[in-house]
Amino acid sequence: MKWVLIVALLVALPALADWRWEARGEVRTAMAEARRARAEARREMAQARRDMRRELCSAHREWHSDFRRSQTDWAREMRQAREEVRRDMRQVREDLRQAFR
């Protein structure tokens, strides 16, 4: 009985080894596919980050240029307003001088 069991195991071992070897191949294939999928996901994420940074930088540049433009416009308007006040004050002084002569 022992000998029959030993012979059966000796006959079955190569079949079991072959089955395990095939399973390793399938596992390796699945692992390679998982690595490829992970690498693709990383590439897509990196591209999305680059696009987001590019959009943020563009929006920031646009905001900054609009801000500088509004500062320049405000400064120009203030200079014009000061000049108008000076001109009006000169006119008032001139009118007062004319009135009291």
PDB file of N, CA and C in Angstrom:
ATOM      1  N   MET A   1       0.818  -1.186   0.000  1.00  0.00           N
ATOM      2  CA  MET A   1       0.000   0.000   0.000  1.00  0.00           C
ATOM      3  C   MET A   1       0.862   1.250   0.000  1.00  0.00           C
ATOM      4  N   LYS A   2       1.926   1.220   0.813  1.00  0.00           N
ATOM      5  CA  LYS A   2       2.824   2.363   0.839  1.00  0.00           C
ATOM      6  C   LYS A   2       3.451   2.574  -0.526  1.00  0.00           C
ATOM      7  N   TRP A   3       3.800   1.470  -1.142  1.00  0.00           N
ATOM      8  CA  TRP A   3       4.482   1.588  -2.439  1.00  0.00           C
ATOM      9  C   TRP A   3       3.554   2.159  -3.500  1.00  0.00           C
ATOM     10  N   VAL A   4       2.303   1.845  -3.412  1.00  0.00           N
ATOM     11  CA  VAL A   4       1.341   2.356  -4.380  1.00  0.00           C
ATOM     12  C   VAL A   4       1.198   3.871  -4.170  1.00  0.00           C
ATOM     13  N   LEU A   5       1.158   4.275  -2.943  1.00  0.00           N
ATOM     14  CA  LEU A   5       1.056   5.701  -2.641  1.00  0.00           C
ATOM     15  C   LEU A   5       2.300   6.442  -3.109  1.00  0.00           C
ATOM     16  N   ILE A   6       3.450   5.873  -2.891  1.00  0.00           N
ATOM     17  CA  ILE A   6       4.711   6.503  -3.314  1.00  0.00           C
ATOM     18  C   ILE A   6       4.758   6.610  -4.827  1.00  0.00           C
ATOM     19  N   VAL A   7       4.388   5.558  -5.534  1.00  0.00           N
ATOM     20  CA  VAL A   7       4.393   5.568  -6.993  1.00  0.00           C
ATOM     21  C   VAL A   7       3.380   6.600  -7.503  1.00  0.00           C
ATOM     22  N   ALA A   8       2.222   6.665  -6.890  1.00  0.00           N
ATOM     23  CA  ALA A   8       1.204   7.634  -7.317  1.00  0.00           C
ATOM     24  C   ALA A   8       1.715   9.057  -7.122  1.00  0.00           C
ATOM     25  N   LEU A   9       2.398   9.303  -6.007  1.00  0.00           N
ATOM     26  CA  LEU A   9       2.965  10.634  -5.780  1.00  0.00           C
ATOM     27  C   LEU A   9       4.057  10.942  -6.791  1.00  0.00           C
ATOM     28  N   LEU A  10       4.884   9.958  -7.090  1.00  0.00           N
ATOM     29  CA  LEU A  10       5.952  10.180  -8.074  1.00  0.00           C
ATOM     30  C   LEU A  10       5.382  10.474  -9.453  1.00  0.00           C
ATOM     31  N   VAL A  11       4.277   9.863  -9.788  1.00  0.00           N
ATOM     32  CA  VAL A  11       3.638  10.114 -11.087  1.00  0.00           C
ATOM     33  C   VAL A  11       2.940  11.474 -11.055  1.00  0.00           C
ATOM     34  N   ALA A  12       2.367  11.838  -9.921  1.00  0.00           N
ATOM     35  CA  ALA A  12       1.588  13.079  -9.826  1.00  0.00           C
ATOM     36  C   ALA A  12       2.473  14.315  -9.657  1.00  0.00           C
ATOM     37  N   LEU A  13       3.670  14.173  -9.097  1.00  0.00           N
ATOM     38  CA  LEU A  13       4.531  15.330  -8.856  1.00  0.00           C
ATOM     39  C   LEU A  13       4.857  16.114 -10.128  1.00  0.00           C
ATOM     40  N   PRO A  14       5.239  15.494 -11.222  1.00  0.00           N
ATOM     41  CA  PRO A  14       5.508  16.296 -12.430  1.00  0.00           C
ATOM     42  C   PRO A  14       4.269  17.043 -12.922  1.00  0.00           C
ATOM     43  N   ALA A  15       3.103  16.436 -12.797  1.00  0.00           N
ATOM     44  CA  ALA A  15       1.878  17.121 -13.213  1.00  0.00           C
ATOM     45  C   ALA A  15       1.607  18.319 -12.295  1.00  0.00           C
ATOM     46  N   LEU A  16       1.821  18.140 -10.974  1.00  0.00           N
ATOM     47  CA  LEU A  16       1.637  19.245 -10.039  1.00  0.00           C
ATOM     48  C   LEU A  16       2.663  20.351 -10.294  1.00  0.00           C
ATOM     49  N   ALA A  17       3.903  19.957 -10.565  1.00  0.00           N
ATOM     50  CA  ALA A  17       4.942  20.952 -10.839  1.00  0.00           C
ATOM     51  C   ALA A  17       4.611  21.731 -12.106  1.00  0.00           C
ATOM     52  N   ASP A  18       4.135  21.041 -13.124  1.00  0.00           N
ATOM     53  CA  ASP A  18       3.757  21.716 -14.376  1.00  0.00           C
ATOM     54  C   ASP A  18       2.591  22.666 -14.126  1.00  0.00           C
ATOM     55  N   TRP A  19       1.626  22.266 -13.335  1.00  0.00           N
ATOM     56  CA  TRP A  19       0.479  23.127 -13.023  1.00  0.00           C
ATOM     57  C   TRP A  19       0.940  24.389 -12.288  1.00  0.00           C
ATOM     58  N   ARG A  20       1.839  24.215 -11.307  1.00  0.00           N
ATOM     59  CA  ARG A  20       2.352  25.374 -10.579  1.00  0.00           C
ATOM     60  C   ARG A  20       3.144  26.285 -11.499  1.00  0.00           C
ATOM     61  N   TRP A  21       3.892  25.718 -12.426  1.00  0.00           N
ATOM     62  CA  TRP A  21       4.683  26.505 -13.357  1.00  0.00           C
ATOM     63  C   TRP A  21       3.770  27.337 -14.266  1.00  0.00           C
ATOM     64  N   GLU A  22       2.682  26.762 -14.745  1.00  0.00           N
ATOM     65  CA  GLU A  22       1.731  27.493 -15.578  1.00  0.00           C
ATOM     66  C   GLU A  22       1.069  28.612 -14.782  1.00  0.00           C
ATOM     67  N   ALA A  23       0.759  28.326 -13.527  1.00  0.00           N
ATOM     68  CA  ALA A  23       0.152  29.352 -12.682  1.00  0.00           C
ATOM     69  C   ALA A  23       1.109  30.518 -12.481  1.00  0.00           C
ATOM     70  N   ARG A  24       2.395  30.220 -12.360  1.00  0.00           N
ATOM     71  CA  ARG A  24       3.382  31.295 -12.224  1.00  0.00           C
ATOM     72  C   ARG A  24       3.379  32.185 -13.464  1.00  0.00           C
ATOM     73  N   GLY A  25       3.280  31.567 -14.616  1.00  0.00           N
ATOM     74  CA  GLY A  25       3.240  32.351 -15.850  1.00  0.00           C
ATOM     75  C   GLY A  25       2.028  33.273 -15.892  1.00  0.00           C
ATOM     76  N   GLU A  26       0.882  32.740 -15.472  1.00  0.00           N
ATOM     77  CA  GLU A  26      -0.327  33.567 -15.445  1.00  0.00           C
ATOM     78  C   GLU A  26      -0.188  34.707 -14.438  1.00  0.00           C
ATOM     79  N   VAL A  27       0.393  34.404 -13.291  1.00  0.00           N
ATOM     80  CA  VAL A  27       0.589  35.435 -12.273  1.00  0.00           C
ATOM     81  C   VAL A  27       1.545  36.497 -12.802  1.00  0.00           C
ATOM     82  N   ARG A  28       2.611  36.074 -13.438  1.00  0.00           N
ATOM     83  CA  ARG A  28       3.568  37.043 -13.997  1.00  0.00           C
ATOM     84  C   ARG A  28       2.905  37.918 -15.051  1.00  0.00           C
ATOM     85  N   THR A  29       2.096  37.317 -15.892  1.00  0.00           N
ATOM     86  CA  THR A  29       1.377  38.090 -16.910  1.00  0.00           C
ATOM     87  C   THR A  29       0.434  39.098 -16.261  1.00  0.00           C
ATOM     88  N   ALA A  30      -0.289  38.650 -15.251  1.00  0.00           N
ATOM     89  CA  ALA A  30      -1.207  39.560 -14.553  1.00  0.00           C
ATOM     90  C   ALA A  30      -0.446  40.677 -13.857  1.00  0.00           C
ATOM     91  N   MET A  31       0.683  40.362 -13.243  1.00  0.00           N
ATOM     92  CA  MET A  31       1.488  41.382 -12.570  1.00  0.00           C
ATOM     93  C   MET A  31       2.045  42.385 -13.582  1.00  0.00           C
ATOM     94  N   ALA A  32       2.493  41.899 -14.722  1.00  0.00           N
ATOM     95  CA  ALA A  32       3.004  42.802 -15.760  1.00  0.00           C
ATOM     96  C   ALA A  32       1.896  43.733 -16.251  1.00  0.00           C
ATOM     97  N   GLU A  33       0.705  43.189 -16.437  1.00  0.00           N
ATOM     98  CA  GLU A  33      -0.432  44.020 -16.869  1.00  0.00           C
ATOM     99  C   GLU A  33      -0.772  45.062 -15.800  1.00  0.00           C
ATOM    100  N   ALA A  34      -0.721  44.653 -14.533  1.00  0.00           N
ATOM    101  CA  ALA A  34      -0.997  45.596 -13.440  1.00  0.00           C
ATOM    102  C   ALA A  34       0.054  46.702 -13.408  1.00  0.00           C
ATOM    103  N   ARG A  35       1.335  46.358 -13.632  1.00  0.00           N
ATOM    104  CA  ARG A  35       2.391  47.370 -13.673  1.00  0.00           C
ATOM    105  C   ARG A  35       2.174  48.342 -14.823  1.00  0.00           C
ATOM    106  N   ARG A  36       1.794  47.807 -15.996  1.00  0.00           N
ATOM    107  CA  ARG A  36       1.531  48.677 -17.149  1.00  0.00           C
ATOM    108  C   ARG A  36       0.357  49.616 -16.862  1.00  0.00           C
ATOM    109  N   ALA A  37      -0.688  49.091 -16.249  1.00  0.00           N
ATOM    110  CA  ALA A  37      -1.847  49.923 -15.926  1.00  0.00           C
ATOM    111  C   ALA A  37      -1.477  51.000 -14.911  1.00  0.00           C
ATOM    112  N   ARG A  38      -0.674  50.632 -13.927  1.00  0.00           N
ATOM    113  CA  ARG A  38      -0.244  51.606 -12.926  1.00  0.00           C
ATOM    114  C   ARG A  38       0.637  52.678 -13.555  1.00  0.00           C
ATOM    115  N   ALA A  39       1.533  52.274 -14.444  1.00  0.00           N
ATOM    116  CA  ALA A  39       2.387  53.251 -15.120  1.00  0.00           C
ATOM    117  C   ALA A  39       1.550  54.199 -15.980  1.00  0.00           C
ATOM    118  N   GLU A  40       0.553  53.661 -16.670  1.00  0.00           N
ATOM    119  CA  GLU A  40      -0.327  54.504 -17.490  1.00  0.00           C
ATOM    120  C   GLU A  40      -1.101  55.487 -16.614  1.00  0.00           C
ATOM    121  N   ALA A  41      -1.592  55.005 -15.474  1.00  0.00           N
ATOM    122  CA  ALA A  41      -2.321  55.892 -14.548  1.00  0.00           C
ATOM    123  C   ALA A  41      -1.400  56.989 -14.033  1.00  0.00           C
ATOM    124  N   ARG A  42      -0.158  56.655 -13.738  1.00  0.00           N
ATOM    125  CA  ARG A  42       0.801  57.668 -13.279  1.00  0.00           C
ATOM    126  C   ARG A  42       1.071  58.695 -14.369  1.00  0.00           C
ATOM    127  N   ARG A  43       1.217  58.226 -15.609  1.00  0.00           N
ATOM    128  CA  ARG A  43       1.450  59.173 -16.716  1.00  0.00           C
ATOM    129  C   ARG A  43       0.265  60.104 -16.878  1.00  0.00           C
ATOM    130  N   GLU A  44      -0.947  59.552 -16.806  1.00  0.00           N
ATOM    131  CA  GLU A  44      -2.145  60.386 -16.932  1.00  0.00           C
ATOM    132  C   GLU A  44      -2.242  61.388 -15.793  1.00  0.00           C
ATOM    133  N   MET A  45      -1.893  60.960 -14.577  1.00  0.00           N
ATOM    134  CA  MET A  45      -1.941  61.859 -13.439  1.00  0.00           C
ATOM    135  C   MET A  45      -0.907  62.976 -13.589  1.00  0.00           C
ATOM    136  N   ALA A  46       0.287  62.615 -14.040  1.00  0.00           N
ATOM    137  CA  ALA A  46       1.323  63.628 -14.235  1.00  0.00           C
ATOM    138  C   ALA A  46       0.888  64.630 -15.308  1.00  0.00           C
ATOM    139  N   GLN A  47       0.277  64.144 -16.377  1.00  0.00           N
ATOM    140  CA  GLN A  47      -0.208  65.046 -17.426  1.00  0.00           C
ATOM    141  C   GLN A  47      -1.303  65.960 -16.889  1.00  0.00           C
ATOM    142  N   ALA A  48      -2.204  65.401 -16.086  1.00  0.00           N
ATOM    143  CA  ALA A  48      -3.271  66.217 -15.502  1.00  0.00           C
ATOM    144  C   ALA A  48      -2.683  67.286 -14.586  1.00  0.00           C
ATOM    145  N   ARG A  49      -1.654  66.936 -13.812  1.00  0.00           N
ATOM    146  CA  ARG A  49      -0.999  67.925 -12.951  1.00  0.00           C
ATOM    147  C   ARG A  49      -0.348  69.025 -13.777  1.00  0.00           C
ATOM    148  N   ARG A  50       0.346  68.630 -14.856  1.00  0.00           N
ATOM    149  CA  ARG A  50       0.975  69.642 -15.718  1.00  0.00           C
ATOM    150  C   ARG A  50      -0.070  70.576 -16.313  1.00  0.00           C
ATOM    151  N   ASP A  51      -1.175  69.999 -16.780  1.00  0.00           N
ATOM    152  CA  ASP A  51      -2.245  70.831 -17.351  1.00  0.00           C
ATOM    153  C   ASP A  51      -2.817  71.777 -16.295  1.00  0.00           C
ATOM    154  N   MET A  52      -3.031  71.266 -15.093  1.00  0.00           N
ATOM    155  CA  MET A  52      -3.584  72.093 -14.027  1.00  0.00           C
ATOM    156  C   MET A  52      -2.622  73.230 -13.684  1.00  0.00           C
ATOM    157  N   ARG A  53      -1.331  72.916 -13.548  1.00  0.00           N
ATOM    158  CA  ARG A  53      -0.346  73.963 -13.249  1.00  0.00           C
ATOM    159  C   ARG A  53      -0.288  74.995 -14.354  1.00  0.00           C
ATOM    160  N   ARG A  54      -0.349  74.536 -15.605  1.00  0.00           N
ATOM    161  CA  ARG A  54      -0.314  75.456 -16.736  1.00  0.00           C
ATOM    162  C   ARG A  54      -1.520  76.389 -16.690  1.00  0.00           C
ATOM    163  N   GLU A  55      -2.691  75.830 -16.403  1.00  0.00           N
ATOM    164  CA  GLU A  55      -3.905  76.659 -16.318  1.00  0.00           C
ATOM    165  C   GLU A  55      -3.813  77.642 -15.155  1.00  0.00           C
ATOM    166  N   LEU A  56      -3.312  77.172 -14.003  1.00  0.00           N
ATOM    167  CA  LEU A  56      -3.183  78.061 -12.855  1.00  0.00           C
ATOM    168  C   LEU A  56      -2.200  79.196 -13.139  1.00  0.00           C
ATOM    169  N   CYS A  57      -1.082  78.860 -13.759  1.00  0.00           N
ATOM    170  CA  CYS A  57      -0.099  79.894 -14.086  1.00  0.00           C
ATOM    171  C   CYS A  57      -0.681  80.892 -15.078  1.00  0.00           C
ATOM    172  N   SER A  58      -1.402  80.404 -16.045  1.00  0.00           N
ATOM    173  CA  SER A  58      -2.019  81.288 -17.029  1.00  0.00           C
ATOM    174  C   SER A  58      -3.032  82.213 -16.355  1.00  0.00           C
ATOM    175  N   ALA A  59      -3.859  81.647 -15.483  1.00  0.00           N
ATOM    176  CA  ALA A  59      -4.847  82.467 -14.774  1.00  0.00           C
ATOM    177  C   ALA A  59      -4.159  83.489 -13.881  1.00  0.00           C
ATOM    178  N   HIS A  60      -3.074  83.074 -13.230  1.00  0.00           N
ATOM    179  CA  HIS A  60      -2.352  84.002 -12.369  1.00  0.00           C
ATOM    180  C   HIS A  60      -1.728  85.132 -13.185  1.00  0.00           C
ATOM    181  N   ARG A  61      -1.127  84.800 -14.323  1.00  0.00           N
ATOM    182  CA  ARG A  61      -0.549  85.843 -15.181  1.00  0.00           C
ATOM    183  C   ARG A  61      -1.625  86.814 -15.653  1.00  0.00           C
ATOM    184  N   GLU A  62      -2.769  86.269 -16.050  1.00  0.00           N
ATOM    185  CA  GLU A  62      -3.863  87.127 -16.507  1.00  0.00           C
ATOM    186  C   GLU A  62      -4.348  88.027 -15.382  1.00  0.00           C
ATOM    187  N   TRP A  63      -4.525  87.452 -14.183  1.00  0.00           N
ATOM    188  CA  TRP A  63      -4.958  88.250 -13.042  1.00  0.00           C
ATOM    189  C   TRP A  63      -3.935  89.339 -12.747  1.00  0.00           C
ATOM    190  N   HIS A  64      -2.646  88.965 -12.763  1.00  0.00           N
ATOM    191  CA  HIS A  64      -1.593  89.929 -12.445  1.00  0.00           C
ATOM    192  C   HIS A  64      -1.563  91.066 -13.463  1.00  0.00           C
ATOM    193  N   SER A  65      -1.689  90.748 -14.739  1.00  0.00           N
ATOM    194  CA  SER A  65      -1.664  91.805 -15.754  1.00  0.00           C
ATOM    195  C   SER A  65      -2.901  92.696 -15.618  1.00  0.00           C
ATOM    196  N   ASP A  66      -4.071  92.106 -15.331  1.00  0.00           N
ATOM    197  CA  ASP A  66      -5.267  92.917 -15.111  1.00  0.00           C
ATOM    198  C   ASP A  66      -5.106  93.816 -13.886  1.00  0.00           C
ATOM    199  N   PHE A  67      -4.516  93.287 -12.841  1.00  0.00           N
ATOM    200  CA  PHE A  67      -4.298  94.054 -11.625  1.00  0.00           C
ATOM    201  C   PHE A  67      -3.356  95.230 -11.889  1.00  0.00           C
ATOM    202  N   ARG A  68      -2.255  94.955 -12.583  1.00  0.00           N
ATOM    203  CA  ARG A  68      -1.297  96.029 -12.905  1.00  0.00           C
ATOM    204  C   ARG A  68      -1.955  97.072 -13.806  1.00  0.00           C
ATOM    205  N   ARG A  69      -2.754  96.618 -14.748  1.00  0.00           N
ATOM    206  CA  ARG A  69      -3.442  97.551 -15.644  1.00  0.00           C
ATOM    207  C   ARG A  69      -4.407  98.429 -14.855  1.00  0.00           C
ATOM    208  N   SER A  70      -5.140  97.850 -13.921  1.00  0.00           N
ATOM    209  CA  SER A  70      -6.078  98.644 -13.121  1.00  0.00           C
ATOM    210  C   SER A  70      -5.319  99.607 -12.213  1.00  0.00           C
ATOM    211  N   GLN A  71      -4.170  99.196 -11.681  1.00  0.00           N
ATOM    212  CA  GLN A  71      -3.365 100.112 -10.871  1.00  0.00           C
ATOM    213  C   GLN A  71      -2.887 101.291 -11.715  1.00  0.00           C
ATOM    214  N   THR A  72      -2.444 101.007 -12.916  1.00  0.00           N
ATOM    215  CA  THR A  72      -1.971 102.065 -13.811  1.00  0.00           C
ATOM    216  C   THR A  72      -3.106 103.013 -14.167  1.00  0.00           C
ATOM    217  N   ASP A  73      -4.267 102.440 -14.477  1.00  0.00           N
ATOM    218  CA  ASP A  73      -5.427 103.276 -14.803  1.00  0.00           C
ATOM    219  C   ASP A  73      -5.819 104.148 -13.617  1.00  0.00           C
ATOM    220  N   TRP A  74      -5.842 103.583 -12.432  1.00  0.00           N
ATOM    221  CA  TRP A  74      -6.217 104.343 -11.244  1.00  0.00           C
ATOM    222  C   TRP A  74      -5.222 105.476 -11.001  1.00  0.00           C
ATOM    223  N   ALA A  75      -3.919 105.171 -11.131  1.00  0.00           N
ATOM    224  CA  ALA A  75      -2.900 106.204 -10.926  1.00  0.00           C
ATOM    225  C   ALA A  75      -3.066 107.331 -11.952  1.00  0.00           C
ATOM    226  N   ARG A  76      -3.327 106.982 -13.198  1.00  0.00           N
ATOM    227  CA  ARG A  76      -3.524 107.982 -14.238  1.00  0.00           C
ATOM    228  C   ARG A  76      -4.743 108.851 -13.927  1.00  0.00           C
ATOM    229  N   GLU A  77      -5.843 108.218 -13.534  1.00  0.00           N
ATOM    230  CA  GLU A  77      -7.044 108.977 -13.200  1.00  0.00           C
ATOM    231  C   GLU A  77      -6.820 109.899 -12.006  1.00  0.00           C
ATOM    232  N   MET A  78      -6.055 109.441 -11.017  1.00  0.00           N
ATOM    233  CA  MET A  78      -5.757 110.294  -9.863  1.00  0.00           C
ATOM    234  C   MET A  78      -4.903 111.487 -10.282  1.00  0.00           C
ATOM    235  N   ARG A  79      -3.918 111.274 -11.148  1.00  0.00           N
ATOM    236  CA  ARG A  79      -3.104 112.400 -11.648  1.00  0.00           C
ATOM    237  C   ARG A  79      -3.980 113.397 -12.392  1.00  0.00           C
ATOM    238  N   GLN A  80      -4.878 112.876 -13.223  1.00  0.00           N
ATOM    239  CA  GLN A  80      -5.774 113.762 -13.969  1.00  0.00           C
ATOM    240  C   GLN A  80      -6.688 114.535 -13.019  1.00  0.00           C
ATOM    241  N   ALA A  81      -7.196 113.862 -11.995  1.00  0.00           N
ATOM    242  CA  ALA A  81      -8.070 114.535 -11.030  1.00  0.00           C
ATOM    243  C   ALA A  81      -7.302 115.614 -10.285  1.00  0.00           C
ATOM    244  N   ARG A  82      -6.072 115.333  -9.850  1.00  0.00           N
ATOM    245  CA  ARG A  82      -5.253 116.345  -9.167  1.00  0.00           C
ATOM    246  C   ARG A  82      -4.992 117.537 -10.082  1.00  0.00           C
ATOM    247  N   GLU A  83      -4.687 117.239 -11.327  1.00  0.00           N
ATOM    248  CA  GLU A  83      -4.427 118.317 -12.280  1.00  0.00           C
ATOM    249  C   GLU A  83      -5.681 119.167 -12.488  1.00  0.00           C
ATOM    250  N   GLU A  84      -6.835 118.531 -12.570  1.00  0.00           N
ATOM    251  CA  GLU A  84      -8.085 119.286 -12.719  1.00  0.00           C
ATOM    252  C   GLU A  84      -8.349 120.152 -11.498  1.00  0.00           C
ATOM    253  N   VAL A  85      -8.097 119.628 -10.296  1.00  0.00           N
ATOM    254  CA  VAL A  85      -8.290 120.404  -9.077  1.00  0.00           C
ATOM    255  C   VAL A  85      -7.338 121.591  -9.074  1.00  0.00           C
ATOM    256  N   ARG A  86      -6.072 121.379  -9.439  1.00  0.00           N
ATOM    257  CA  ARG A  86      -5.107 122.489  -9.510  1.00  0.00           C
ATOM    258  C   ARG A  86      -5.579 123.558 -10.498  1.00  0.00           C
ATOM    259  N   ARG A  87      -6.014 123.080 -11.656  1.00  0.00           N
ATOM    260  CA  ARG A  87      -6.483 124.010 -12.676  1.00  0.00           C
ATOM    261  C   ARG A  87      -7.691 124.813 -12.169  1.00  0.00           C
ATOM    262  N   ASP A  88      -8.624 124.122 -11.533  1.00  0.00           N
ATOM    263  CA  ASP A  88      -9.806 124.801 -11.000  1.00  0.00           C
ATOM    264  C   ASP A  88      -9.426 125.793  -9.901  1.00  0.00           C
ATOM    265  N   MET A  89      -8.484 125.412  -9.047  1.00  0.00           N
ATOM    266  CA  MET A  89      -8.055 126.311  -7.978  1.00  0.00           C
ATOM    267  C   MET A  89      -7.365 127.543  -8.557  1.00  0.00           C
ATOM    268  N   ARG A  90      -6.538 127.371  -9.567  1.00  0.00           N
ATOM    269  CA  ARG A  90      -5.912 128.521 -10.227  1.00  0.00           C
ATOM    270  C   ARG A  90      -6.980 129.448 -10.792  1.00  0.00           C
ATOM    271  N   GLN A  91      -7.981 128.827 -11.410  1.00  0.00           N
ATOM    272  CA  GLN A  91      -9.051 129.622 -11.994  1.00  0.00           C
ATOM    273  C   GLN A  91      -9.814 130.398 -10.920  1.00  0.00           C
ATOM    274  N   VAL A  92     -10.082 129.731  -9.786  1.00  0.00           N
ATOM    275  CA  VAL A  92     -10.776 130.402  -8.683  1.00  0.00           C
ATOM    276  C   VAL A  92      -9.927 131.559  -8.175  1.00  0.00           C
ATOM    277  N   ARG A  93      -8.621 131.329  -7.967  1.00  0.00           N
ATOM    278  CA  ARG A  93      -7.738 132.405  -7.497  1.00  0.00           C
ATOM    279  C   ARG A  93      -7.715 133.558  -8.495  1.00  0.00           C
ATOM    280  N   GLU A  94      -7.616 133.200  -9.761  1.00  0.00           N
ATOM    281  CA  GLU A  94      -7.610 134.235 -10.803  1.00  0.00           C
ATOM    282  C   GLU A  94      -8.923 135.002 -10.803  1.00  0.00           C
ATOM    283  N   ASP A  95     -10.027 134.312 -10.653  1.00  0.00           N
ATOM    284  CA  ASP A  95     -11.327 134.978 -10.601  1.00  0.00           C
ATOM    285  C   ASP A  95     -11.426 135.895  -9.375  1.00  0.00           C
ATOM    286  N   LEU A  96     -10.914 135.404  -8.232  1.00  0.00           N
ATOM    287  CA  LEU A  96     -10.936 136.240  -7.022  1.00  0.00           C
ATOM    288  C   LEU A  96     -10.060 137.478  -7.197  1.00  0.00           C
ATOM    289  N   ARG A  97      -8.907 137.338  -7.787  1.00  0.00           N
ATOM    290  CA  ARG A  97      -8.048 138.481  -8.037  1.00  0.00           C
ATOM    291  C   ARG A  97      -8.750 139.511  -8.937  1.00  0.00           C
ATOM    292  N   GLN A  98      -9.398 138.975  -9.961  1.00  0.00           N
ATOM    293  CA  GLN A  98     -10.117 139.851 -10.877  1.00  0.00           C
ATOM    294  C   GLN A  98     -11.286 140.556 -10.172  1.00  0.00           C
ATOM    295  N   ALA A  99     -11.925 139.836  -9.269  1.00  0.00           N
ATOM    296  CA  ALA A  99     -13.080 140.389  -8.584  1.00  0.00           C
ATOM    297  C   ALA A  99     -12.683 141.485  -7.607  1.00  0.00           C
ATOM    298  N   PHE A 100     -11.536 141.368  -6.961  1.00  0.00           N
ATOM    299  CA  PHE A 100     -11.135 142.332  -5.944  1.00  0.00           C
ATOM    300  C   PHE A 100     -10.255 143.441  -6.505  1.00  0.00           C
ATOM    301  N   ARG A 101     -10.038 143.547  -7.744  1.00  0.00           N
ATOM    302  CA  ARG A 101      -9.246 144.624  -8.319  1.00  0.00           C
ATOM    303  C   ARG A 101     -10.053 145.778  -8.701  1.00  0.00           C
TER     304      ARG A 101
END
